């Protein structure tokens, strides 16, 4: 993980395949959200909308799992090898936020 010198935020350069996979997942989720909005606009029956919302939640959870796995396999592993122990604390804090 490289530090961005112009601000205090870290950045990560992703391999093209990982980037495409993440963007494709987000595009599908975005389409699902637009579909839900359309359902509300068309006064679709509530349980039908709720089922679609559950599908979006599942898709977001799946996105998080993929992103977290990639993060652990790359950034976290690299930082631990370099002796950057604070990365483990950062990972634990992130996991606590994800599990709320």
Protein backbone atom coordinates (compact mmCIF):
# COMPACT_ATOMS: atom_id res chain seq x y z
CA UNK A 1 0.00 0.00 0.00
CA UNK A 2 1.45 3.32 -1.00
CA UNK A 3 1.05 6.56 0.90
CA UNK A 4 -0.37 9.39 -1.17
CA UNK A 5 1.99 12.31 -0.53
CA UNK A 6 -0.59 15.01 -1.30
CA UNK A 7 -2.94 14.10 1.55
CA UNK A 8 -3.30 11.87 4.58
CA UNK A 9 -5.18 9.03 2.81
CA UNK A 10 -3.61 5.73 1.76
CA UNK A 11 -4.15 4.43 -1.75
CA UNK A 12 -3.91 1.03 -3.39
CA UNK A 13 -3.04 0.30 -6.98
CA UNK A 14 -5.09 -2.74 -8.00
CA UNK A 15 -4.23 -5.25 -10.69
CA UNK A 16 -6.49 -4.81 -13.76
CA UNK A 17 -8.46 -8.04 -13.12
CA UNK A 18 -9.20 -7.12 -9.49
CA UNK A 19 -10.20 -3.59 -10.54
CA UNK A 20 -12.55 -4.88 -13.26
CA UNK A 21 -14.14 -7.42 -10.90
CA UNK A 22 -14.83 -4.81 -8.22
CA UNK A 23 -16.18 -2.27 -10.71
CA UNK A 24 -18.42 -4.92 -12.35
CA UNK A 25 -19.84 -5.88 -8.95
CA UNK A 26 -20.51 -2.23 -8.11
CA UNK A 27 -22.15 -1.63 -11.49
CA UNK A 28 -24.51 -4.57 -10.87
CA UNK A 29 -25.33 -3.24 -7.39
CA UNK A 30 -25.94 0.23 -8.83
CA UNK A 31 -28.35 -1.31 -11.34
CA UNK A 32 -30.15 -3.15 -8.55
CA UNK A 33 -30.52 0.12 -6.60
CA UNK A 34 -31.94 1.85 -9.67
CA UNK A 35 -34.35 -1.07 -10.05
CA UNK A 36 -35.52 -0.66 -6.45
CA UNK A 37 -36.03 3.06 -7.00
CA UNK A 38 -38.14 2.24 -10.04
CA UNK A 39 -40.18 -0.22 -8.00
CA UNK A 40 -40.92 2.47 -5.41
CA UNK A 41 -41.84 4.93 -8.16
CA UNK A 42 -44.25 2.33 -9.62
CA UNK A 43 -45.85 1.61 -6.24
CA UNK A 44 -44.75 -2.03 -6.26
CA UNK A 45 -45.95 -4.14 -3.33
CA UNK A 46 -43.70 -3.69 -0.25
CA UNK A 47 -42.60 -7.34 0.21
CA UNK A 48 -41.40 -7.43 -3.42
CA UNK A 49 -39.27 -4.36 -2.80
CA UNK A 50 -37.95 -5.78 0.47
CA UNK A 51 -36.81 -8.94 -1.33
CA UNK A 52 -34.87 -6.80 -3.81
CA UNK A 53 -33.32 -4.80 -0.95
CA UNK A 54 -32.22 -8.08 0.63
CA UNK A 55 -30.59 -9.03 -2.68
CA UNK A 56 -28.68 -5.73 -2.71
CA UNK A 57 -27.55 -6.30 0.88
CA UNK A 58 -26.28 -9.76 -0.10
CA UNK A 59 -24.45 -8.29 -3.10
CA UNK A 60 -22.82 -5.62 -0.91
CA UNK A 61 -21.79 -8.26 1.63
CA UNK A 62 -20.26 -10.31 -1.18
CA UNK A 63 -18.41 -7.22 -2.44
CA UNK A 64 -17.05 -6.62 1.08
CA UNK A 65 -15.86 -10.23 1.37
CA UNK A 66 -13.96 -10.02 -1.91
CA UNK A 67 -12.45 -6.63 -1.08
CA UNK A 68 -11.49 -7.72 2.44
CA UNK A 69 -9.88 -10.94 1.20
CA UNK A 70 -7.87 -9.00 -1.39
CA UNK A 71 -6.83 -6.49 1.28
CA UNK A 72 -5.64 -9.20 3.66
CA UNK A 73 -3.81 -11.12 0.91
CA UNK A 74 -1.99 -8.02 -0.34
CA UNK A 75 -1.79 -4.94 1.88
CA UNK A 76 -2.00 -6.57 5.29
CA UNK A 77 0.39 -9.40 4.42
CA UNK A 78 2.91 -6.97 2.92
CA UNK A 79 2.75 -4.61 5.90
CA UNK A 80 3.19 -7.43 8.43
CA UNK A 81 6.23 -8.71 6.52
CA UNK A 82 7.63 -5.17 6.68
CA UNK A 83 7.05 -5.04 10.44
CA UNK A 84 4.17 -2.56 10.33
CA UNK A 85 2.23 -3.95 13.30
CA UNK A 86 -0.28 -1.06 13.31
CA UNK A 87 -1.82 -2.63 10.20
CA UNK A 88 -3.26 -5.40 12.38
CA UNK A 89 -4.92 -2.79 14.61
CA UNK A 90 -6.30 -1.06 11.54
CA UNK A 91 -7.67 -4.39 10.26
CA UNK A 92 -9.30 -5.16 13.61
CA UNK A 93 -10.91 -1.70 13.71
CA UNK A 94 -12.21 -2.21 10.19
CA UNK A 95 -13.65 -5.62 11.07
CA UNK A 96 -15.40 -4.16 14.12
CA UNK A 97 -17.04 -1.52 11.90
CA UNK A 98 -18.10 -4.16 9.36
CA UNK A 99 -19.69 -6.35 12.02
CA UNK A 100 -21.97 -3.71 13.55
